[in-house]
Every structure is written in structure tokens, then in C-alpha cells.
Amino acid sequence: MKIFKVGFDKAGTASLHQALKQLGYRSMHQYQREEEILKQLILDKRHSDLEQFDAFVDGNWGQHIEVILEHFPDAFLIFTMRDREKWIQSRIINALSNRYFQKPGLTEINTIKWGEMYDQHLQSVRQKLTSHTRYLEINIPNGEGWEKLCPFLNVSAPETPFPRVNTAENHLENILRAKQRKG
């Protein structure tokens, strides 16, 4: 069984990764490695990590649904989503955090472009997958968790709360703590 996140970044992907690990799946959440795996699949080659992991939750898989389904017709596809404006807000906070801590990744802010990306990606994925039997839309930042994920994967829900990690609030708290330490 293979699971691919085909939705947005900044929409609970780190939480989904942790949840899948709690359910016993071997989940990868490393953007650059996943991009390399995707490139190999597009070239019709098998990357060794495809055998080592069950779930891939951090690459641009949503832009290559046809490639996924060609190689894994029984794959489970999960669209991580959140409210459009909150998604843009989370990306702004992430970019500011990356700037502040001089981390690689998203640093440029373009809310108009992001809004267009959101609309286009949501429409594109829904057009391709609404009739796919192994497709789930889940809004983790809005509180959805085990009650949607576990029945979709046909597994029992753990007794533990659904993981909530790498939130916009976490990024803001880290910036504030760092500023306080600097004085």
C-alpha cells in the first residue's frame, strides 16, 4: 500500500506524517528526497525509497497525480487542505520565520500568486480525483484527524490525540522566544 499527500503544504503535512507513523506506516516527510523520487518516477524509474516507505507527504505529488496512478493504481491519495485565507496566512508566517532564522525554504511573500495557486490546485485535483475511490480531503488545521483518516485507511484509531505539530503558532512562538533572548 502506498499513500501520497496530494494537497497543500502548510495544511497539516507534518501532523499527517506523525499520524501515519503512529498508525504504523513508514512515512517520509523530506521534501528534497521526495522530489528526487518523483523525478525518477516521471522518468519511469524506481527509486529505492519507494520500497522503504509507505507514505510520502511532503513533495509536489499533487501536480503529478497521473504519474502516481500509473505506477500505483491502488494508491491512497490524501488532499491536505485548510481555509484559503488561513493557508496564505500560514505561508506568510512560515516565510517570516525562515527569514528570521535564516533558514532555506519559503522566504518570498506573494499573497496574490498564492491565492491563485490555491484555487488552481484545488480545482485541478478535484477534477482528477473526485471519483477516485481512494481519495480523501482532510482539514487537519481545522481539527479533523483520526475520525476521517482511520476509516479512509481502514484502520483503528489510536487512543492518543491526533498529532498537531509545526503549526503557525509554533513558528510565532519560536520567533518571540528568540527575540526575547536577544533582548
N, C-alpha and C. Protein backbone atom coordinates (compact mmCIF):
# COMPACT_ATOMS: atom_id res chain seq x y z
N MET A 1 0.83 -1.18 0.00
CA MET A 1 0.00 0.00 0.00
C MET A 1 0.88 1.25 0.00
N LYS A 2 0.54 2.20 -0.85
CA LYS A 2 1.24 3.48 -0.89
C LYS A 2 0.24 4.60 -0.63
N ILE A 3 0.73 5.61 0.09
CA ILE A 3 -0.08 6.78 0.44
C ILE A 3 0.69 8.01 -0.03
N PHE A 4 0.00 8.90 -0.74
CA PHE A 4 0.62 10.13 -1.21
C PHE A 4 -0.23 11.33 -0.80
N LYS A 5 0.43 12.35 -0.27
CA LYS A 5 -0.24 13.61 0.03
C LYS A 5 -0.27 14.39 -1.27
N VAL A 6 -1.47 14.75 -1.73
CA VAL A 6 -1.59 15.48 -2.99
C VAL A 6 -2.11 16.90 -2.76
N GLY A 7 -2.17 17.30 -1.51
CA GLY A 7 -2.70 18.62 -1.17
C GLY A 7 -1.61 19.64 -0.91
N PHE A 8 -1.98 20.62 -0.12
CA PHE A 8 -1.13 21.78 0.12
C PHE A 8 -0.10 21.56 1.21
N ASP A 9 1.03 22.27 1.09
CA ASP A 9 1.92 22.40 2.22
C ASP A 9 1.24 23.37 3.20
N LYS A 10 1.74 23.50 4.39
CA LYS A 10 1.17 24.40 5.41
C LYS A 10 -0.31 24.08 5.66
N ALA A 11 -0.64 22.79 5.56
CA ALA A 11 -2.02 22.36 5.80
C ALA A 11 -2.03 21.07 6.60
N GLY A 12 -1.07 20.93 7.51
CA GLY A 12 -1.05 19.77 8.38
C GLY A 12 -0.20 18.62 7.89
N THR A 13 0.75 18.88 6.98
CA THR A 13 1.54 17.77 6.46
C THR A 13 2.43 17.14 7.53
N ALA A 14 3.04 17.95 8.39
CA ALA A 14 3.88 17.38 9.46
C ALA A 14 3.01 16.59 10.44
N SER A 15 1.82 17.08 10.71
CA SER A 15 0.90 16.35 11.58
C SER A 15 0.45 15.05 10.92
N LEU A 16 0.16 15.09 9.63
CA LEU A 16 -0.21 13.88 8.90
C LEU A 16 0.93 12.86 8.95
N HIS A 17 2.14 13.33 8.75
CA HIS A 17 3.32 12.46 8.81
C HIS A 17 3.39 11.75 10.16
N GLN A 18 3.25 12.51 11.24
CA GLN A 18 3.30 11.92 12.58
C GLN A 18 2.14 10.94 12.80
N ALA A 19 0.97 11.30 12.32
CA ALA A 19 -0.21 10.43 12.47
C ALA A 19 0.01 9.10 11.74
N LEU A 20 0.51 9.16 10.52
CA LEU A 20 0.75 7.94 9.76
C LEU A 20 1.79 7.06 10.45
N LYS A 21 2.81 7.68 11.03
CA LYS A 21 3.81 6.92 11.77
C LYS A 21 3.16 6.24 12.98
N GLN A 22 2.28 6.95 13.67
CA GLN A 22 1.58 6.35 14.83
C GLN A 22 0.72 5.17 14.40
N LEU A 23 0.22 5.20 13.18
CA LEU A 23 -0.61 4.10 12.68
C LEU A 23 0.24 2.94 12.15
N GLY A 24 1.55 3.10 12.17
CA GLY A 24 2.43 2.02 11.76
C GLY A 24 2.96 2.10 10.34
N TYR A 25 2.65 3.18 9.64
CA TYR A 25 3.16 3.35 8.28
C TYR A 25 4.57 3.93 8.33
N ARG A 26 5.36 3.56 7.35
CA ARG A 26 6.70 4.14 7.19
C ARG A 26 6.53 5.38 6.33
N SER A 27 6.52 6.53 6.98
CA SER A 27 6.18 7.78 6.31
C SER A 27 7.42 8.64 6.09
N MET A 28 7.52 9.22 4.89
CA MET A 28 8.62 10.13 4.57
C MET A 28 8.07 11.55 4.53
N HIS A 29 8.81 12.46 5.17
CA HIS A 29 8.45 13.87 5.18
C HIS A 29 9.73 14.67 4.95
N GLN A 30 10.31 14.51 3.77
CA GLN A 30 11.56 15.18 3.42
C GLN A 30 11.44 15.66 1.98
N TYR A 31 11.12 16.91 1.81
CA TYR A 31 10.77 17.48 0.52
C TYR A 31 11.77 17.14 -0.58
N GLN A 32 13.06 17.40 -0.35
CA GLN A 32 14.03 17.22 -1.44
C GLN A 32 14.18 15.76 -1.84
N ARG A 33 14.14 14.85 -0.90
CA ARG A 33 14.21 13.43 -1.26
C ARG A 33 12.97 13.02 -2.04
N GLU A 34 11.82 13.52 -1.63
CA GLU A 34 10.60 13.18 -2.33
C GLU A 34 10.59 13.74 -3.75
N GLU A 35 11.16 14.91 -3.93
CA GLU A 35 11.26 15.47 -5.27
C GLU A 35 12.13 14.60 -6.16
N GLU A 36 13.22 14.05 -5.61
CA GLU A 36 14.09 13.15 -6.37
C GLU A 36 13.34 11.86 -6.74
N ILE A 37 12.58 11.33 -5.81
CA ILE A 37 11.78 10.12 -6.08
C ILE A 37 10.80 10.40 -7.21
N LEU A 38 10.14 11.55 -7.14
CA LEU A 38 9.17 11.93 -8.17
C LEU A 38 9.84 12.06 -9.53
N LYS A 39 10.99 12.68 -9.58
CA LYS A 39 11.72 12.81 -10.86
C LYS A 39 12.03 11.44 -11.45
N GLN A 40 12.42 10.51 -10.60
CA GLN A 40 12.72 9.16 -11.07
C GLN A 40 11.45 8.48 -11.61
N LEU A 41 10.33 8.66 -10.93
CA LEU A 41 9.08 8.06 -11.41
C LEU A 41 8.67 8.64 -12.76
N ILE A 42 8.83 9.94 -12.92
CA ILE A 42 8.49 10.58 -14.19
C ILE A 42 9.33 9.99 -15.31
N LEU A 43 10.58 9.64 -15.00
CA LEU A 43 11.47 9.01 -15.99
C LEU A 43 11.24 7.50 -16.08
N ASP A 44 10.19 7.03 -15.40
CA ASP A 44 9.80 5.62 -15.39
C ASP A 44 10.86 4.74 -14.73
N LYS A 45 11.50 5.28 -13.70
CA LYS A 45 12.49 4.53 -12.94
C LYS A 45 12.00 4.38 -11.50
N ARG A 46 12.47 3.37 -10.83
CA ARG A 46 12.09 3.13 -9.43
C ARG A 46 13.21 3.58 -8.50
N HIS A 47 12.90 4.50 -7.63
CA HIS A 47 13.84 4.96 -6.61
C HIS A 47 13.77 3.99 -5.43
N SER A 48 14.90 3.70 -4.82
CA SER A 48 14.94 2.71 -3.73
C SER A 48 14.05 3.10 -2.56
N ASP A 49 13.85 4.40 -2.33
CA ASP A 49 13.00 4.82 -1.22
C ASP A 49 11.54 4.42 -1.40
N LEU A 50 11.14 4.13 -2.63
CA LEU A 50 9.76 3.69 -2.87
C LEU A 50 9.48 2.38 -2.17
N GLU A 51 10.49 1.57 -2.01
CA GLU A 51 10.31 0.28 -1.32
C GLU A 51 10.44 0.44 0.19
N GLN A 52 11.17 1.44 0.64
CA GLN A 52 11.42 1.62 2.07
C GLN A 52 10.30 2.35 2.79
N PHE A 53 9.46 3.08 2.06
CA PHE A 53 8.43 3.89 2.69
C PHE A 53 7.05 3.54 2.13
N ASP A 54 6.04 3.73 2.98
CA ASP A 54 4.65 3.51 2.58
C ASP A 54 3.96 4.82 2.20
N ALA A 55 4.39 5.91 2.84
CA ALA A 55 3.70 7.18 2.68
C ALA A 55 4.70 8.29 2.35
N PHE A 56 4.25 9.19 1.48
CA PHE A 56 5.07 10.32 1.04
C PHE A 56 4.21 11.57 1.18
N VAL A 57 4.60 12.45 2.11
CA VAL A 57 3.69 13.54 2.48
C VAL A 57 4.27 14.94 2.33
N ASP A 58 5.37 15.10 1.59
CA ASP A 58 5.95 16.44 1.54
C ASP A 58 6.39 16.90 0.16
N GLY A 59 6.19 16.13 -0.87
CA GLY A 59 6.61 16.54 -2.21
C GLY A 59 5.47 17.19 -2.97
N ASN A 60 5.72 17.52 -4.22
CA ASN A 60 4.69 18.10 -5.10
C ASN A 60 3.90 17.00 -5.80
N TRP A 61 3.47 16.02 -5.07
CA TRP A 61 2.78 14.87 -5.65
C TRP A 61 1.48 15.27 -6.32
N GLY A 62 0.80 16.28 -5.80
CA GLY A 62 -0.49 16.70 -6.36
C GLY A 62 -0.40 17.20 -7.80
N GLN A 63 0.77 17.63 -8.21
CA GLN A 63 0.95 18.09 -9.58
C GLN A 63 1.24 16.94 -10.54
N HIS A 64 1.36 15.74 -10.00
CA HIS A 64 1.73 14.59 -10.82
C HIS A 64 0.87 13.37 -10.49
N ILE A 65 -0.42 13.59 -10.34
CA ILE A 65 -1.35 12.53 -9.98
C ILE A 65 -1.34 11.40 -11.02
N GLU A 66 -1.26 11.76 -12.28
CA GLU A 66 -1.26 10.74 -13.33
C GLU A 66 -0.06 9.80 -13.19
N VAL A 67 1.10 10.35 -12.84
CA VAL A 67 2.31 9.54 -12.66
C VAL A 67 2.12 8.60 -11.48
N ILE A 68 1.58 9.11 -10.39
CA ILE A 68 1.33 8.27 -9.21
C ILE A 68 0.42 7.11 -9.59
N LEU A 69 -0.71 7.43 -10.21
CA LEU A 69 -1.69 6.39 -10.51
C LEU A 69 -1.21 5.41 -11.58
N GLU A 70 -0.32 5.87 -12.45
CA GLU A 70 0.26 4.96 -13.45
C GLU A 70 1.10 3.88 -12.75
N HIS A 71 1.89 4.32 -11.78
CA HIS A 71 2.79 3.39 -11.07
C HIS A 71 2.11 2.70 -9.89
N PHE A 72 1.14 3.37 -9.28
CA PHE A 72 0.47 2.83 -8.09
C PHE A 72 -1.05 3.03 -8.22
N PRO A 73 -1.71 2.25 -9.05
CA PRO A 73 -3.15 2.45 -9.28
C PRO A 73 -4.01 2.27 -8.04
N ASP A 74 -3.50 1.57 -7.03
CA ASP A 74 -4.25 1.37 -5.78
C ASP A 74 -3.83 2.33 -4.68
N ALA A 75 -3.08 3.35 -5.03
CA ALA A 75 -2.58 4.29 -4.02
C ALA A 75 -3.72 5.03 -3.33
N PHE A 76 -3.49 5.35 -2.07
CA PHE A 76 -4.38 6.21 -1.30
C PHE A 76 -3.86 7.64 -1.45
N LEU A 77 -4.73 8.55 -1.86
CA LEU A 77 -4.34 9.94 -2.11
C LEU A 77 -5.04 10.84 -1.11
N ILE A 78 -4.25 11.61 -0.37
CA ILE A 78 -4.78 12.46 0.69
C ILE A 78 -4.52 13.92 0.34
N PHE A 79 -5.60 14.67 0.26
CA PHE A 79 -5.51 16.11 -0.01
C PHE A 79 -5.58 16.85 1.32
N THR A 80 -4.42 17.32 1.78
CA THR A 80 -4.39 18.14 2.99
C THR A 80 -4.79 19.56 2.60
N MET A 81 -5.77 20.08 3.30
CA MET A 81 -6.26 21.40 2.93
C MET A 81 -6.55 22.22 4.18
N ARG A 82 -6.82 23.49 3.95
CA ARG A 82 -7.27 24.39 5.00
C ARG A 82 -7.94 25.58 4.32
N ASP A 83 -8.60 26.39 5.10
CA ASP A 83 -9.24 27.59 4.59
C ASP A 83 -8.21 28.42 3.80
N ARG A 84 -8.62 28.93 2.66
CA ARG A 84 -7.70 29.64 1.75
C ARG A 84 -6.95 30.78 2.45
N GLU A 85 -7.68 31.64 3.16
CA GLU A 85 -7.03 32.79 3.80
C GLU A 85 -6.10 32.35 4.93
N LYS A 86 -6.50 31.33 5.67
CA LYS A 86 -5.63 30.82 6.75
C LYS A 86 -4.40 30.15 6.17
N TRP A 87 -4.54 29.52 5.00
CA TRP A 87 -3.39 28.90 4.35
C TRP A 87 -2.39 29.98 3.94
N ILE A 88 -2.88 31.06 3.35
CA ILE A 88 -2.00 32.16 2.96
C ILE A 88 -1.32 32.75 4.20
N GLN A 89 -2.09 32.95 5.25
CA GLN A 89 -1.55 33.48 6.50
C GLN A 89 -0.44 32.57 7.05
N SER A 90 -0.65 31.26 7.00
CA SER A 90 0.34 30.32 7.49
C SER A 90 1.62 30.38 6.65
N ARG A 91 1.45 30.53 5.34
CA ARG A 91 2.63 30.65 4.48
C ARG A 91 3.40 31.94 4.78
N ILE A 92 2.70 33.03 5.07
CA ILE A 92 3.37 34.28 5.45
C ILE A 92 4.20 34.07 6.71
N ILE A 93 3.59 33.45 7.72
CA ILE A 93 4.29 33.20 8.98
C ILE A 93 5.49 32.31 8.75
N ASN A 94 5.34 31.28 7.92
CA ASN A 94 6.45 30.38 7.62
C ASN A 94 7.58 31.14 6.93
N ALA A 95 7.24 31.99 5.97
CA ALA A 95 8.26 32.77 5.26
C ALA A 95 8.98 33.72 6.22
N LEU A 96 8.23 34.37 7.10
CA LEU A 96 8.86 35.28 8.07
C LEU A 96 9.76 34.52 9.03
N SER A 97 9.33 33.34 9.45
CA SER A 97 10.15 32.51 10.33
C SER A 97 11.44 32.10 9.63
N ASN A 98 11.32 31.68 8.37
CA ASN A 98 12.52 31.29 7.61
C ASN A 98 13.47 32.46 7.44
N ARG A 99 12.92 33.64 7.20
CA ARG A 99 13.77 34.84 7.09
C ARG A 99 14.47 35.13 8.41
N TYR A 100 13.69 35.11 9.50
CA TYR A 100 14.23 35.47 10.81
C TYR A 100 15.36 34.53 11.22
N PHE A 101 15.15 33.24 11.03
CA PHE A 101 16.15 32.25 11.43
C PHE A 101 17.13 31.91 10.31
N GLN A 102 17.02 32.63 9.17
CA GLN A 102 17.89 32.43 8.01
C GLN A 102 17.91 30.96 7.58
N LYS A 103 16.72 30.39 7.48
CA LYS A 103 16.58 29.00 7.06
C LYS A 103 16.22 28.96 5.58
N PRO A 104 16.61 27.89 4.90
CA PRO A 104 16.22 27.75 3.49
C PRO A 104 14.72 27.48 3.39
N GLY A 105 14.21 27.63 2.22
CA GLY A 105 12.79 27.37 2.01
C GLY A 105 12.07 28.64 1.61
N LEU A 106 10.81 28.65 1.89
CA LEU A 106 9.94 29.76 1.53
C LEU A 106 10.36 31.03 2.27
N THR A 107 10.73 32.08 1.52
CA THR A 107 11.07 33.36 2.13
C THR A 107 10.36 34.53 1.44
N GLU A 108 10.02 34.35 0.18
CA GLU A 108 9.34 35.41 -0.57
C GLU A 108 7.84 35.35 -0.29
N ILE A 109 7.22 36.51 -0.20
CA ILE A 109 5.78 36.58 0.08
C ILE A 109 5.08 37.18 -1.13
N ASN A 110 4.09 36.44 -1.64
CA ASN A 110 3.29 36.91 -2.77
C ASN A 110 1.87 36.35 -2.59
N THR A 111 1.06 37.07 -1.84
CA THR A 111 -0.26 36.56 -1.47
C THR A 111 -1.20 36.43 -2.68
N ILE A 112 -1.05 37.29 -3.66
CA ILE A 112 -1.90 37.19 -4.85
C ILE A 112 -1.58 35.90 -5.61
N LYS A 113 -0.30 35.66 -5.83
CA LYS A 113 0.13 34.44 -6.52
C LYS A 113 -0.31 33.20 -5.72
N TRP A 114 -0.14 33.23 -4.41
CA TRP A 114 -0.51 32.09 -3.57
C TRP A 114 -2.01 31.80 -3.64
N GLY A 115 -2.81 32.85 -3.65
CA GLY A 115 -4.25 32.66 -3.76
C GLY A 115 -4.63 32.00 -5.08
N GLU A 116 -3.99 32.43 -6.15
CA GLU A 116 -4.23 31.82 -7.46
C GLU A 116 -3.77 30.36 -7.47
N MET A 117 -2.61 30.11 -6.88
CA MET A 117 -2.11 28.73 -6.79
C MET A 117 -3.10 27.84 -6.04
N TYR A 118 -3.60 28.35 -4.93
CA TYR A 118 -4.56 27.60 -4.11
C TYR A 118 -5.78 27.21 -4.94
N ASP A 119 -6.38 28.20 -5.58
CA ASP A 119 -7.59 27.96 -6.37
C ASP A 119 -7.34 26.97 -7.50
N GLN A 120 -6.24 27.16 -8.23
CA GLN A 120 -5.93 26.29 -9.36
C GLN A 120 -5.65 24.86 -8.92
N HIS A 121 -4.87 24.71 -7.86
CA HIS A 121 -4.51 23.36 -7.41
C HIS A 121 -5.74 22.61 -6.87
N LEU A 122 -6.53 23.28 -6.08
CA LEU A 122 -7.74 22.66 -5.54
C LEU A 122 -8.66 22.20 -6.67
N GLN A 123 -8.89 23.06 -7.64
CA GLN A 123 -9.75 22.72 -8.77
C GLN A 123 -9.17 21.56 -9.58
N SER A 124 -7.87 21.61 -9.85
CA SER A 124 -7.23 20.58 -10.66
C SER A 124 -7.32 19.20 -9.99
N VAL A 125 -6.99 19.14 -8.71
CA VAL A 125 -7.02 17.85 -8.01
C VAL A 125 -8.44 17.32 -7.93
N ARG A 126 -9.38 18.18 -7.60
CA ARG A 126 -10.77 17.72 -7.50
C ARG A 126 -11.29 17.21 -8.84
N GLN A 127 -10.92 17.86 -9.93
CA GLN A 127 -11.35 17.39 -11.25
C GLN A 127 -10.80 16.00 -11.54
N LYS A 128 -9.58 15.74 -11.12
CA LYS A 128 -8.93 14.47 -11.41
C LYS A 128 -9.37 13.35 -10.46
N LEU A 129 -9.74 13.71 -9.22
CA LEU A 129 -9.87 12.66 -8.21
C LEU A 129 -11.23 12.50 -7.54
N THR A 130 -12.19 13.34 -7.80
CA THR A 130 -13.44 13.21 -7.05
C THR A 130 -14.10 11.85 -7.22
N SER A 131 -13.86 11.17 -8.32
CA SER A 131 -14.44 9.84 -8.49
C SER A 131 -13.47 8.72 -8.10
N HIS A 132 -12.27 9.06 -7.70
CA HIS A 132 -11.28 8.06 -7.29
C HIS A 132 -11.70 7.49 -5.93
N THR A 133 -11.74 6.19 -5.80
CA THR A 133 -12.25 5.57 -4.57
C THR A 133 -11.30 5.70 -3.39
N ARG A 134 -10.05 6.00 -3.64
CA ARG A 134 -9.07 6.12 -2.55
C ARG A 134 -8.58 7.56 -2.44
N TYR A 135 -9.51 8.48 -2.37
CA TYR A 135 -9.19 9.91 -2.28
C TYR A 135 -9.86 10.50 -1.05
N LEU A 136 -9.10 11.22 -0.25
CA LEU A 136 -9.62 11.85 0.97
C LEU A 136 -9.19 13.31 1.02
N GLU A 137 -10.14 14.18 1.33
CA GLU A 137 -9.82 15.57 1.67
C GLU A 137 -9.90 15.69 3.18
N ILE A 138 -8.85 16.23 3.79
CA ILE A 138 -8.82 16.37 5.24
C ILE A 138 -8.27 17.74 5.61
N ASN A 139 -8.95 18.39 6.55
CA ASN A 139 -8.56 19.73 7.00
C ASN A 139 -8.02 19.59 8.43
N ILE A 140 -6.77 19.21 8.54
CA ILE A 140 -6.13 18.98 9.84
C ILE A 140 -6.07 20.27 10.66
N PRO A 141 -5.69 21.42 10.08
CA PRO A 141 -5.65 22.64 10.90
C PRO A 141 -7.03 23.03 11.47
N ASN A 142 -8.10 22.56 10.84
CA ASN A 142 -9.44 22.88 11.31
C ASN A 142 -9.95 21.84 12.32
N GLY A 143 -9.09 20.90 12.70
CA GLY A 143 -9.45 19.95 13.75
C GLY A 143 -9.76 18.54 13.28
N GLU A 144 -9.82 18.30 11.97
CA GLU A 144 -10.08 16.94 11.51
C GLU A 144 -8.85 16.07 11.77
N GLY A 145 -9.08 14.80 12.04
CA GLY A 145 -7.97 13.91 12.38
C GLY A 145 -8.34 12.45 12.23
N TRP A 146 -8.19 11.71 13.34
CA TRP A 146 -8.42 10.26 13.31
C TRP A 146 -9.77 9.89 12.73
N GLU A 147 -10.82 10.67 13.06
CA GLU A 147 -12.19 10.31 12.65
C GLU A 147 -12.35 10.27 11.13
N LYS A 148 -11.51 10.98 10.39
CA LYS A 148 -11.55 10.93 8.92
C LYS A 148 -10.47 10.01 8.36
N LEU A 149 -9.27 10.11 8.93
CA LEU A 149 -8.13 9.39 8.39
C LEU A 149 -8.26 7.87 8.58
N CYS A 150 -8.63 7.43 9.76
CA CYS A 150 -8.63 5.99 10.05
C CYS A 150 -9.67 5.20 9.24
N PRO A 151 -10.91 5.66 9.13
CA PRO A 151 -11.85 4.92 8.28
C PRO A 151 -11.40 4.89 6.80
N PHE A 152 -10.80 5.97 6.35
CA PHE A 152 -10.30 6.03 4.98
C PHE A 152 -9.24 4.96 4.73
N LEU A 153 -8.33 4.79 5.69
CA LEU A 153 -7.26 3.80 5.56
C LEU A 153 -7.68 2.42 6.06
N ASN A 154 -8.89 2.34 6.58
CA ASN A 154 -9.44 1.09 7.10
C ASN A 154 -8.60 0.53 8.25
N VAL A 155 -8.25 1.43 9.19
CA VAL A 155 -7.50 1.05 10.39
C VAL A 155 -8.21 1.61 11.62
N SER A 156 -7.90 1.05 12.76
CA SER A 156 -8.48 1.53 14.02
C SER A 156 -7.77 2.79 14.47
N ALA A 157 -8.54 3.68 15.07
CA ALA A 157 -7.97 4.92 15.59
C ALA A 157 -7.27 4.66 16.91
N PRO A 158 -6.10 5.24 17.11
CA PRO A 158 -5.42 5.10 18.39
C PRO A 158 -6.16 5.87 19.49
N GLU A 159 -5.83 5.55 20.72
CA GLU A 159 -6.43 6.24 21.87
C GLU A 159 -5.82 7.62 22.08
N THR A 160 -4.66 7.85 21.50
CA THR A 160 -3.95 9.12 21.68
C THR A 160 -4.56 10.21 20.82
N PRO A 161 -4.43 11.47 21.24
CA PRO A 161 -4.93 12.57 20.40
C PRO A 161 -4.18 12.62 19.07
N PHE A 162 -4.85 13.15 18.06
CA PHE A 162 -4.22 13.34 16.76
C PHE A 162 -3.07 14.33 16.92
N PRO A 163 -1.91 14.07 16.33
CA PRO A 163 -0.77 14.98 16.49
C PRO A 163 -1.02 16.34 15.82
N ARG A 164 -0.60 17.37 16.48
CA ARG A 164 -0.68 18.74 15.95
C ARG A 164 0.71 19.35 16.10
N VAL A 165 1.48 19.34 15.02
CA VAL A 165 2.86 19.81 15.07
C VAL A 165 3.13 20.80 13.95
N ASN A 166 4.19 21.59 14.12
CA ASN A 166 4.65 22.54 13.11
C ASN A 166 3.55 23.51 12.70
N THR A 167 2.86 24.04 13.69
CA THR A 167 1.76 24.96 13.41
C THR A 167 2.29 26.39 13.25
N ALA A 168 1.47 27.24 12.70
CA ALA A 168 1.83 28.66 12.57
C ALA A 168 2.09 29.25 13.96
N GLU A 169 1.32 28.81 14.93
CA GLU A 169 1.51 29.29 16.30
C GLU A 169 2.90 28.92 16.81
N ASN A 170 3.35 27.68 16.49
CA ASN A 170 4.70 27.26 16.88
C ASN A 170 5.76 28.18 16.29
N HIS A 171 5.59 28.54 15.01
CA HIS A 171 6.56 29.42 14.35
C HIS A 171 6.59 30.79 15.04
N LEU A 172 5.43 31.35 15.34
CA LEU A 172 5.38 32.66 16.01
C LEU A 172 5.99 32.59 17.40
N GLU A 173 5.70 31.52 18.15
CA GLU A 173 6.28 31.37 19.49
C GLU A 173 7.79 31.29 19.42
N ASN A 174 8.32 30.57 18.44
CA ASN A 174 9.78 30.46 18.29
C ASN A 174 10.42 31.81 17.99
N ILE A 175 9.78 32.60 17.14
CA ILE A 175 10.31 33.94 16.83
C ILE A 175 10.29 34.81 18.09
N LEU A 176 9.18 34.79 18.82
CA LEU A 176 9.07 35.61 20.04
C LEU A 176 10.10 35.19 21.09
N ARG A 177 10.29 33.89 21.29
CA ARG A 177 11.30 33.42 22.25
C ARG A 177 12.69 33.87 21.82
N ALA A 178 12.99 33.76 20.55
CA ALA A 178 14.31 34.16 20.05
C ALA A 178 14.53 35.66 20.24
N LYS A 179 13.49 36.45 19.98
CA LYS A 179 13.60 37.90 20.16
C LYS A 179 13.81 38.25 21.63
N GLN A 180 13.12 37.53 22.52
CA GLN A 180 13.27 37.79 23.96
C GLN A 180 14.67 37.46 24.44
N ARG A 181 15.26 36.39 23.92
CA ARG A 181 16.62 36.02 24.30
C ARG A 181 17.63 37.07 23.84
N LYS A 182 17.37 37.67 22.68
CA LYS A 182 18.27 38.70 22.16
C LYS A 182 18.14 40.00 22.93
N GLY A 183 16.99 40.17 23.58
CA GLY A 183 16.79 41.37 24.38
C GLY A 183 16.14 42.41 23.63
